[in-house]
Protein backbone atom coordinates (compact mmCIF):
# COMPACT_ATOMS: atom_id res chain seq x y z
CA UNK A 1 0.05 0.00 0.03
CA UNK A 2 1.35 3.34 -1.01
CA UNK A 3 1.72 6.09 1.44
CA UNK A 4 0.01 9.24 0.74
CA UNK A 5 2.00 12.56 1.40
CA UNK A 6 0.65 14.71 4.28
CA UNK A 7 -0.98 17.77 3.15
CA UNK A 8 1.02 20.88 3.27
CA UNK A 9 -0.41 22.85 6.21
CA UNK A 10 2.45 25.27 6.60
CA UNK A 11 2.69 28.26 4.43
CA UNK A 12 5.66 30.56 4.70
CA UNK A 13 4.84 34.17 4.62
CA UNK A 14 5.63 35.99 1.35
CA UNK A 15 8.08 38.50 3.07
CA UNK A 16 10.16 35.36 4.43
CA UNK A 17 10.70 32.84 1.62
CA UNK A 18 13.09 29.87 2.18
CA UNK A 19 14.20 27.84 5.02
CA UNK A 20 17.48 29.67 5.46
CA UNK A 21 15.81 33.13 5.78
CA UNK A 22 13.36 31.64 8.33
CA UNK A 23 16.04 30.06 10.43
CA UNK A 24 17.94 33.52 10.56
CA UNK A 25 14.86 35.27 11.34
CA UNK A 26 13.92 32.91 14.24
CA UNK A 27 17.52 33.07 15.53
CA UNK A 28 18.09 36.85 15.09
CA UNK A 29 14.90 38.90 14.65
CA UNK A 30 11.90 37.32 16.08
CA UNK A 31 10.50 38.90 19.26
CA UNK A 32 11.50 36.92 22.45
CA UNK A 33 9.09 36.03 25.26
CA UNK A 34 10.31 36.96 28.83
CA UNK A 35 12.97 34.41 29.98
CA UNK A 36 11.80 31.60 32.17
CA UNK A 37 13.62 30.57 35.08
CA UNK A 38 14.40 26.86 35.18
CA UNK A 39 15.32 24.60 38.16
CA UNK A 40 17.92 21.75 37.27
CA UNK A 41 18.03 18.35 38.48
CA UNK A 42 21.09 16.24 37.62
CA UNK A 43 20.44 12.53 36.92
CA UNK A 44 23.48 9.94 37.01
CA UNK A 45 23.39 7.14 34.73
CA UNK A 46 24.83 3.58 35.21
CA UNK A 47 27.54 4.22 32.70
CA UNK A 48 28.86 7.03 34.96
CA UNK A 49 27.43 9.84 32.72
CA UNK A 50 24.66 12.04 33.50
CA UNK A 51 21.82 14.23 32.08
CA UNK A 52 20.14 17.23 33.30
CA UNK A 53 16.40 17.80 33.56
CA UNK A 54 15.33 21.55 33.54
CA UNK A 55 11.96 22.14 35.24
CA UNK A 56 10.06 25.45 34.80
CA UNK A 57 10.35 27.00 38.10
CA UNK A 58 7.04 26.71 40.18
CA UNK A 59 5.79 23.84 37.94
CA UNK A 60 7.37 20.81 39.56
CA UNK A 61 4.18 19.62 40.89
CA UNK A 62 1.88 20.50 37.88
CA UNK A 63 -0.79 17.96 36.91
CA UNK A 64 0.55 17.45 33.38
CA UNK A 65 3.88 17.58 32.04
CA UNK A 66 5.62 18.33 28.80
CA UNK A 67 8.91 17.32 27.49
CA UNK A 68 11.00 19.61 25.25
CA UNK A 69 14.08 18.24 23.63
CA UNK A 70 16.69 20.46 22.26
CA UNK A 71 19.48 19.52 19.79
CA UNK A 72 23.07 18.61 20.85
CA UNK A 73 24.08 22.34 20.91
CA UNK A 74 21.05 23.62 22.55
CA UNK A 75 19.90 24.21 26.23
CA UNK A 76 17.04 25.40 28.22
CA UNK A 77 18.30 28.89 27.35
CA UNK A 78 17.87 28.32 23.46
CA UNK A 79 15.42 30.81 21.98
CA UNK A 80 13.29 27.95 20.54
CA UNK A 81 12.96 26.30 23.95
CA UNK A 82 12.07 29.58 25.67
CA UNK A 83 9.66 30.34 23.21
CA UNK A 84 7.83 27.04 23.39
CA UNK A 85 8.02 26.86 27.17
CA UNK A 86 6.53 30.38 27.29
CA UNK A 87 3.51 29.16 25.03
CA UNK A 88 3.02 26.12 26.89
CA UNK A 89 3.01 27.86 30.09
CA UNK A 90 0.49 30.24 29.11
């Protein structure tokens, strides 16, 4: 059975064509929400490594949770993590 392509739901704005321009705008020109304060928990692994879990401050006991994963070079301070955390906290 052949897979059907997903419908194109995203339409780039006419003033921001192409993926490179969109990436640069998001990184350098897009408005930023206020920075959120995170609390960090260090988790050790059996292979003597570790990973960090950052919680939105004051949200540790929230009824629902959301995991945000950044890339290898990102962090909780990355603009896209801050923007998504802000939108989800609202």
